[in-house]
C-alpha cells in the first residue's frame, strides 16, 4: 500500500486554489479542470445537487459526469416512496 502523507502547508494552499478554480469553472458548465484533478480523470461522480431536475442532469452528463447519485431525505416510507418513484421515472428517461 502506498504511503499516505499530509501535504505541506504551501502544497495544501495550492491544492485548495486549484479546487476553487475547478469549482468555479464547473459552475460555468465546464468540468475540464475538475476531471483533471480526479485520480481517474474522465469518470466523475456527483453526489446530490440535482433535485430531480432533468435539464440539470442533461447538462451534467454533457459536461462529463458518468454517475449522479440522488439523495433523499430521511423519512417514513409514505414520504420517501413518491420521491423514489419520481427519481425512478427520471432515471428511466436517460436509458
Foldseek 3Di string as FASTA:
>chain_A
DDDDDDDDPVVVVVVVVLVVVQVVVVVVLANQSVLVPDPNRQEDEAEAPCQLPLVVVVSVVVNRYDYYHHDDDDDDCVVVVVVVVSVVVSVVVVD
